[in-house]
Amino acid sequence: IRTPGYWLGPKTSQFAEVAGILIVLQLAVDRGVCELVICTDSDHSRLSFICHLPSWKSNGFLTSNLKH
């Protein structure tokens, strides 16, 4: 997957879904967007941001194997 300034490499579709949302969020911040609605049919992506993000932030975004 190629996007402006990003090369994600060979990853899973779940990785690409979350990465796509992160890229959109960064672009929105860069452009001063104040309100943004993201629609997805991916429970994985939705739960990643609603449920898992706080714990990922608190552990420094380490995997279960303690890797970045």
Protein backbone atom coordinates (compact mmCIF):
# COMPACT_ATOMS: atom_id res chain seq x y z
CA ILE A 1 0.00 0.00 0.00
CA ARG A 2 1.42 3.39 -0.92
CA THR A 3 0.14 6.70 0.34
CA PRO A 4 1.75 10.14 0.29
CA GLY A 5 4.88 9.73 2.41
CA TYR A 6 4.00 6.25 3.68
CA TRP A 7 5.08 2.76 2.68
CA LEU A 8 3.36 0.14 4.77
CA GLY A 9 4.98 -2.85 3.13
CA PRO A 10 3.48 -6.32 3.07
CA LYS A 11 1.03 -6.32 5.98
CA THR A 12 -2.34 -7.79 6.84
CA SER A 13 -5.63 -6.21 5.85
CA GLN A 14 -6.31 -5.47 9.52
CA PHE A 15 -3.03 -3.56 9.73
CA ALA A 16 -3.94 -1.63 6.59
CA GLU A 17 -7.37 -0.70 8.00
CA VAL A 18 -5.89 0.75 11.19
CA ALA A 19 -3.02 2.40 9.30
CA GLY A 20 -5.52 4.02 6.94
CA ILE A 21 -7.38 5.56 9.86
CA LEU A 22 -4.14 6.78 11.41
CA ILE A 23 -3.09 8.37 8.12
CA VAL A 24 -6.45 10.13 7.77
CA LEU A 25 -6.20 11.40 11.35
CA GLN A 26 -2.70 12.77 10.72
CA LEU A 27 -3.79 14.45 7.50
CA ALA A 28 -6.76 15.98 9.32
CA VAL A 29 -4.48 17.39 12.03
CA ASP A 30 -2.04 18.71 9.42
CA ARG A 31 -4.88 20.48 7.60
CA GLY A 32 -6.52 21.89 10.73
CA VAL A 33 -9.69 19.82 10.47
CA CYS A 34 -11.76 20.34 13.63
CA GLU A 35 -14.44 17.71 13.08
CA LEU A 36 -14.08 14.36 11.38
CA VAL A 37 -16.36 11.36 11.03
CA ILE A 38 -14.75 8.04 10.18
CA CYS A 39 -17.08 5.27 9.03
CA THR A 40 -15.88 1.68 8.99
CA ASP A 41 -17.37 -1.78 8.85
CA SER A 42 -14.29 -3.16 10.57
CA ASP A 43 -14.84 -4.16 14.18
CA HIS A 44 -11.09 -4.64 14.50
CA SER A 45 -10.40 -1.02 13.55
CA ARG A 46 -13.21 0.32 15.73
CA LEU A 47 -12.13 -1.68 18.77
CA SER A 48 -8.48 -0.78 18.17
CA PHE A 49 -9.26 2.88 18.77
CA ILE A 50 -12.08 2.59 21.31
CA CYS A 51 -10.83 -0.23 23.54
CA HIS A 52 -7.18 -0.99 22.88
CA LEU A 53 -5.57 2.41 22.24
CA PRO A 54 -5.43 3.50 25.91
CA SER A 55 -3.55 0.35 26.96
CA TRP A 56 -1.26 0.54 23.92
CA LYS A 57 -0.38 4.11 24.81
CA SER A 58 0.32 3.20 28.43
CA ASN A 59 2.71 0.37 27.49
CA GLY A 60 4.57 2.43 24.88
CA PHE A 61 2.91 0.61 21.95
CA LEU A 62 4.76 -2.63 22.67
CA THR A 63 3.49 -5.94 21.34
CA SER A 64 2.76 -8.90 23.58
CA ASN A 65 6.38 -9.95 22.88
CA LEU A 66 7.54 -6.57 24.25
CA LYS A 67 8.62 -5.41 20.77
CA HIS A 68 7.81 -2.15 18.99
